[in-house]
């Protein structure tokens, strides 16, 4: 077997450090920030492999630390099942953020404010307005479909939950090695493993920012932690099952949700037809309810 060449540059040196050194560093980030923001720290958990590691690290410091899961309404059933299982097995202090309520109260620092209406509260509303992301977040009929989808279904509900609960520190499982964009952002002066996120008025902490996928699996397997069954089915990621904003979405969707794939392809074809012939009316078919929402169940279901 050929010897793996070490990475070069500052990014390579961070990624190629010994596993034991990375674990010590991650524990330090978690312990320091949980102590500094005592009682106002939350772990953001998608119930994927990366956030599972961070959740386990945080629970070693405080078994009752708040945990927040953002349920977009189009999560994989395996993710919902695993979330229910882990919540029970680890007795998680879980809060669920979701975009399902179109009405919310806008206020600052826990104070009541005026009622506001959220325009996009499900995936199909985002698709109708912004189009499908075609293999990247900044693709679609307005050039940023995936970005808008993530904002309305994930970022906005999460931010609202952070403000409503008065959390001042959000610990998550983001890793720089997951994408080139995340790597570039990780080395920017105003980011890194810890930084102030002004929109949420909170500290963001990425304890395993410089872990590789191999590091994550080594931690999980060494400690015999349970993990989302999607990985056993060959998936490389845990996210919305309708997501088309990454390069391998077609092969993933065909394997994991074969009944969903033709529905998405049909909707894409309709979108293309409307671009070419905006005067025609296209009727969709597929296993959707009357509102166009694909229902897969929730943690409370």
Protein backbone atom coordinates (compact mmCIF):
# COMPACT_ATOMS: atom_id res chain seq x y z
CA UNK A 1 0.00 0.00 0.00
CA UNK A 2 1.37 3.41 -0.95
CA UNK A 3 2.28 5.67 1.95
CA UNK A 4 -0.08 8.62 2.28
CA UNK A 5 1.75 11.88 1.71
CA UNK A 6 1.27 14.52 4.43
CA UNK A 7 -0.75 17.58 3.57
CA UNK A 8 1.09 20.87 3.22
CA UNK A 9 0.40 24.40 4.40
CA UNK A 10 -1.42 25.67 7.52
CA UNK A 11 -4.63 23.77 6.70
CA UNK A 12 -2.75 20.51 6.17
CA UNK A 13 -0.85 20.89 9.42
CA UNK A 14 -4.11 21.32 11.32
CA UNK A 15 -5.78 18.32 9.68
CA UNK A 16 -2.76 16.01 10.01
CA UNK A 17 -2.22 16.41 13.76
CA UNK A 18 -2.39 13.27 15.94
CA UNK A 19 -5.90 12.12 16.84
CA UNK A 20 -5.16 12.29 20.58
CA UNK A 21 -4.12 15.93 20.25
CA UNK A 22 -7.36 16.80 18.46
CA UNK A 23 -9.45 15.12 21.16
CA UNK A 24 -7.69 17.06 23.92
CA UNK A 25 -8.21 20.31 22.00
CA UNK A 26 -11.92 19.58 21.40
CA UNK A 27 -12.49 18.74 25.05
CA UNK A 28 -10.82 22.01 25.95
CA UNK A 29 -13.04 24.07 23.65
CA UNK A 30 -16.17 22.42 25.04
CA UNK A 31 -15.18 22.66 28.72
CA UNK A 32 -14.00 26.27 28.47
CA UNK A 33 -17.07 27.61 26.69
CA UNK A 34 -19.56 25.64 28.78
CA UNK A 35 -17.94 27.09 31.90
CA UNK A 36 -17.85 30.62 30.51
CA UNK A 37 -21.50 30.52 29.37
CA UNK A 38 -22.71 28.47 32.33
CA UNK A 39 -26.39 27.58 31.91
CA UNK A 40 -26.63 29.41 28.57
CA UNK A 41 -24.89 26.88 26.32
CA UNK A 42 -26.68 24.68 23.80
CA UNK A 43 -25.45 21.86 21.57
CA UNK A 44 -26.80 22.00 18.02
CA UNK A 45 -27.32 18.40 16.91
CA UNK A 46 -28.39 17.13 13.49
CA UNK A 47 -28.01 13.53 14.69
CA UNK A 48 -25.31 12.99 12.11
CA UNK A 49 -21.85 11.65 12.94
CA UNK A 50 -20.11 15.00 13.50
CA UNK A 51 -22.66 16.50 15.87
CA UNK A 52 -22.90 13.12 17.64
CA UNK A 53 -19.22 13.42 18.63
CA UNK A 54 -19.67 16.99 19.88
CA UNK A 55 -22.83 16.03 21.77
CA UNK A 56 -20.96 13.22 23.52
CA UNK A 57 -18.12 15.59 24.46
CA UNK A 58 -20.58 18.13 25.89
CA UNK A 59 -22.50 15.54 27.90
CA UNK A 60 -19.27 14.62 29.71
CA UNK A 61 -19.26 18.15 31.12
CA UNK A 62 -22.99 18.47 31.80
CA UNK A 63 -25.42 15.55 31.28
CA UNK A 64 -28.31 18.04 31.27
CA UNK A 65 -26.88 20.47 28.70
CA UNK A 66 -29.62 21.76 26.37
CA UNK A 67 -29.64 20.17 22.92
CA UNK A 68 -31.42 21.68 19.90
CA UNK A 69 -32.40 19.77 16.77
CA UNK A 70 -33.66 21.61 13.71
CA UNK A 71 -36.45 19.57 12.09
CA UNK A 72 -36.89 20.95 8.57
CA UNK A 73 -39.91 18.75 7.86
CA UNK A 74 -38.00 16.80 5.20
CA UNK A 75 -35.59 14.86 7.40
CA UNK A 76 -34.87 11.24 6.60
CA UNK A 77 -37.04 8.82 8.63
CA UNK A 78 -33.81 7.21 9.87
CA UNK A 79 -32.72 10.54 11.34
CA UNK A 80 -36.04 10.99 13.14
CA UNK A 81 -35.85 7.43 14.47
CA UNK A 82 -32.27 7.88 15.66
CA UNK A 83 -33.13 11.20 17.31
CA UNK A 84 -35.95 9.52 19.25
CA UNK A 85 -33.70 6.62 20.23
CA UNK A 86 -30.79 8.78 21.40
CA UNK A 87 -33.07 11.19 23.26
CA UNK A 88 -34.39 8.29 25.29
CA UNK A 89 -31.11 6.38 25.72
CA UNK A 90 -29.03 9.41 26.68
CA UNK A 91 -31.90 11.25 28.43
CA UNK A 92 -31.32 14.34 26.31
CA UNK A 93 -32.64 17.75 27.30
CA UNK A 94 -33.94 18.26 23.75
CA UNK A 95 -35.55 21.27 22.12
CA UNK A 96 -36.88 21.01 18.56
CA UNK A 97 -36.66 24.03 16.26
CA UNK A 98 -38.78 23.93 13.13
CA UNK A 99 -40.08 26.30 10.43
CA UNK A 100 -43.64 24.95 10.59
CA UNK A 101 -45.24 27.88 12.44
CA UNK A 102 -45.82 30.73 9.97
CA UNK A 103 -46.37 33.20 12.83
CA UNK A 104 -43.72 34.18 15.35
CA UNK A 105 -43.09 37.02 17.74
CA UNK A 106 -40.12 39.22 16.94
CA UNK A 107 -38.32 40.45 20.04
CA UNK A 108 -34.81 41.02 21.35
CA UNK A 109 -33.12 39.50 24.40
CA UNK A 110 -36.20 37.55 25.44
CA UNK A 111 -38.52 40.57 25.42
CA UNK A 112 -41.85 40.31 23.66
CA UNK A 113 -42.26 42.03 20.33
CA UNK A 114 -44.62 42.29 17.41
CA UNK A 115 -46.08 39.30 15.58
CA UNK A 116 -44.42 38.55 12.23
CA UNK A 117 -45.36 36.15 9.45
CA UNK A 118 -42.69 33.84 8.04
CA UNK A 119 -43.24 33.56 4.32
CA UNK A 120 -41.55 30.22 3.63
CA UNK A 121 -42.37 27.46 6.12
CA UNK A 122 -41.76 24.28 4.10
CA UNK A 123 -39.47 22.91 1.42
CA UNK A 124 -41.92 23.08 -1.48
CA UNK A 125 -42.69 26.75 -0.83
CA UNK A 126 -38.96 27.45 -1.12
CA UNK A 127 -38.76 25.43 -4.35
CA UNK A 128 -41.77 27.25 -5.81
CA UNK A 129 -40.15 30.63 -5.16
CA UNK A 130 -36.43 29.96 -5.69
CA UNK A 131 -36.35 26.77 -7.76
CA UNK A 132 -34.30 23.64 -7.21
CA UNK A 133 -30.63 23.84 -6.37
CA UNK A 134 -28.90 21.90 -9.13
CA UNK A 135 -25.90 20.31 -7.46
CA UNK A 136 -24.86 23.43 -5.60
CA UNK A 137 -26.34 25.88 -3.11
CA UNK A 138 -26.05 28.82 -5.48
CA UNK A 139 -27.98 27.28 -8.34
CA UNK A 140 -31.66 27.52 -9.20
CA UNK A 141 -33.89 29.88 -11.10
CA UNK A 142 -32.61 32.86 -9.11
CA UNK A 143 -29.05 31.62 -8.60
CA UNK A 144 -29.27 30.93 -4.84
CA UNK A 145 -31.98 28.31 -4.34
CA UNK A 146 -30.05 26.15 -1.87
CA UNK A 147 -28.91 29.15 0.13
CA UNK A 148 -32.49 30.37 0.56
CA UNK A 149 -33.76 26.88 1.40
CA UNK A 150 -31.17 26.45 4.17
CA UNK A 151 -31.87 29.94 5.46
CA UNK A 152 -35.66 29.56 5.80
CA UNK A 153 -35.77 25.93 6.91
CA UNK A 154 -32.64 25.75 9.08
CA UNK A 155 -30.86 28.99 9.89
CA UNK A 156 -33.88 31.17 10.64
CA UNK A 157 -35.72 28.68 12.90
CA UNK A 158 -32.46 27.91 14.72
CA UNK A 159 -31.71 31.57 15.28
CA UNK A 160 -35.21 32.15 16.61
CA UNK A 161 -34.83 29.21 19.01
CA UNK A 162 -31.47 30.53 20.24
CA UNK A 163 -32.92 33.96 20.98
CA UNK A 164 -36.16 32.68 22.56
CA UNK A 165 -34.27 30.37 24.94
CA UNK A 166 -31.63 32.94 25.86
CA UNK A 167 -28.72 30.74 24.77
CA UNK A 168 -25.46 32.63 24.44
CA UNK A 169 -23.18 29.86 23.20
CA UNK A 170 -23.95 27.36 20.42
CA UNK A 171 -21.66 24.32 20.10
CA UNK A 172 -21.92 22.34 16.87
CA UNK A 173 -20.13 19.67 14.82
CA UNK A 174 -19.04 21.73 11.82
CA UNK A 175 -15.82 20.49 10.22
CA UNK A 176 -13.60 22.41 7.80
CA UNK A 177 -12.75 19.32 5.76
CA UNK A 178 -16.37 18.80 4.70
CA UNK A 179 -16.12 21.27 1.82
CA UNK A 180 -13.74 23.75 0.21
CA UNK A 181 -16.05 26.62 1.20
CA UNK A 182 -15.91 25.61 4.86
CA UNK A 183 -12.14 25.23 4.72
CA UNK A 184 -11.71 28.72 3.29
CA UNK A 185 -14.08 30.21 5.86
CA UNK A 186 -12.35 28.40 8.74
CA UNK A 187 -9.06 30.21 8.08
CA UNK A 188 -10.62 33.67 7.78
CA UNK A 189 -9.67 36.11 10.58
CA UNK A 190 -13.22 36.58 11.91
CA UNK A 191 -14.05 32.86 12.06
CA UNK A 192 -12.22 29.75 13.21
CA UNK A 193 -13.16 27.41 16.04
CA UNK A 194 -14.75 30.16 18.19
CA UNK A 195 -16.27 33.44 17.12
CA UNK A 196 -19.13 35.83 17.82
CA UNK A 197 -22.19 35.34 15.61
CA UNK A 198 -23.86 38.74 15.61
CA UNK A 199 -27.17 37.60 14.06
CA UNK A 200 -27.86 35.32 17.03
CA UNK A 201 -26.08 37.49 19.63
CA UNK A 202 -24.22 34.33 20.63
CA UNK A 203 -20.83 32.64 20.55
CA UNK A 204 -20.40 29.87 17.97
CA UNK A 205 -18.03 27.04 18.84
CA UNK A 206 -16.77 24.33 16.45
CA UNK A 207 -14.74 21.98 18.69
CA UNK A 208 -13.92 19.46 15.94
CA UNK A 209 -13.35 22.04 13.20
CA UNK A 210 -10.05 20.46 12.15
CA UNK A 211 -11.06 16.81 12.46
CA UNK A 212 -11.13 14.62 9.38
CA UNK A 213 -13.90 12.14 8.62
CA UNK A 214 -11.51 9.41 9.77
CA UNK A 215 -11.05 11.16 13.12
CA UNK A 216 -14.81 11.33 13.61
CA UNK A 217 -15.29 7.64 12.91
CA UNK A 218 -12.33 6.72 15.10
CA UNK A 219 -13.93 8.52 18.05
CA UNK A 220 -17.33 6.89 17.43
CA UNK A 221 -15.93 3.37 16.99
CA UNK A 222 -13.44 3.57 19.86
CA UNK A 223 -16.21 4.53 22.28
CA UNK A 224 -18.79 2.24 20.63
CA UNK A 225 -21.28 5.09 20.19
CA UNK A 226 -24.57 4.43 18.38
CA UNK A 227 -24.96 6.25 15.07
CA UNK A 228 -27.55 7.10 12.43
CA UNK A 229 -28.48 4.07 10.29
CA UNK A 230 -28.14 6.15 7.12
CA UNK A 231 -24.39 5.59 7.32
CA UNK A 232 -24.91 1.83 7.37
CA UNK A 233 -26.86 2.24 4.12
CA UNK A 234 -23.87 3.87 2.45
CA UNK A 235 -24.79 7.53 2.90
CA UNK A 236 -21.93 9.99 3.35
CA UNK A 237 -24.11 12.70 4.85
CA UNK A 238 -27.18 13.28 6.99
CA UNK A 239 -29.41 16.11 5.86
CA UNK A 240 -32.72 16.85 4.19
CA UNK A 241 -33.80 13.91 2.04
CA UNK A 242 -35.03 16.33 -0.67
CA UNK A 243 -31.71 18.20 -0.88
CA UNK A 244 -30.28 18.66 -4.37
CA UNK A 245 -27.63 21.20 -3.35
CA UNK A 246 -24.59 18.94 -3.52
CA UNK A 247 -22.76 17.10 -6.28
CA UNK A 248 -23.79 13.51 -5.46
CA UNK A 249 -27.45 14.14 -4.68
CA UNK A 250 -28.82 11.95 -7.49
CA UNK A 251 -26.92 8.79 -6.56
CA UNK A 252 -27.69 9.34 -2.86
CA UNK A 253 -31.40 9.92 -3.45
CA UNK A 254 -31.75 6.97 -5.82
CA UNK A 255 -30.20 4.68 -3.21
CA UNK A 256 -31.79 6.03 -0.02
CA UNK A 257 -35.21 7.27 -1.21
CA UNK A 258 -35.90 5.67 -4.60
CA UNK A 259 -39.60 6.65 -4.52
CA UNK A 260 -38.73 10.30 -3.95
CA UNK A 261 -36.18 10.56 -6.76
CA UNK A 262 -38.66 10.45 -9.72
CA UNK A 263 -40.86 13.03 -7.98
CA UNK A 264 -37.93 15.45 -7.67
CA UNK A 265 -36.85 14.81 -11.27
CA UNK A 266 -40.39 15.40 -12.49
CA UNK A 267 -40.62 18.66 -10.59
CA UNK A 268 -37.29 19.75 -12.05
CA UNK A 269 -38.54 18.97 -15.57
CA UNK A 270 -41.64 21.07 -14.89
CA UNK A 271 -39.44 23.92 -13.68
CA UNK A 272 -37.36 23.71 -16.86
CA UNK A 273 -40.54 23.69 -18.97
CA UNK A 274 -41.85 26.81 -17.25
CA UNK A 275 -38.56 28.60 -17.90
CA UNK A 276 -38.82 27.81 -21.61
CA UNK A 277 -42.60 28.34 -21.83
CA UNK A 278 -43.74 30.62 -18.99
CA UNK A 279 -47.26 30.88 -20.43
CA UNK A 280 -48.13 27.18 -19.95
CA UNK A 281 -49.54 25.62 -16.80
CA UNK A 282 -47.97 22.39 -15.55
CA UNK A 283 -49.72 20.13 -13.05
CA UNK A 284 -47.53 18.12 -10.70
CA UNK A 285 -48.05 14.55 -9.63
CA UNK A 286 -46.37 12.50 -6.96
CA UNK A 287 -46.78 11.30 -3.39
CA UNK A 288 -47.41 14.70 -1.87
CA UNK A 289 -50.26 15.96 0.25
CA UNK A 290 -52.67 18.69 -0.93
CA UNK A 291 -50.32 21.46 0.18
CA UNK A 292 -47.38 19.99 -1.75
CA UNK A 293 -45.58 18.92 1.43
CA UNK A 294 -43.83 15.59 1.60
CA UNK A 295 -44.74 14.19 5.02
CA UNK A 296 -42.24 11.90 6.76
CA UNK A 297 -43.10 12.34 10.44
CA UNK A 298 -41.50 14.29 13.25
CA UNK A 299 -39.96 13.59 16.63
CA UNK A 300 -43.35 13.99 18.23
CA UNK A 301 -45.05 11.76 15.65
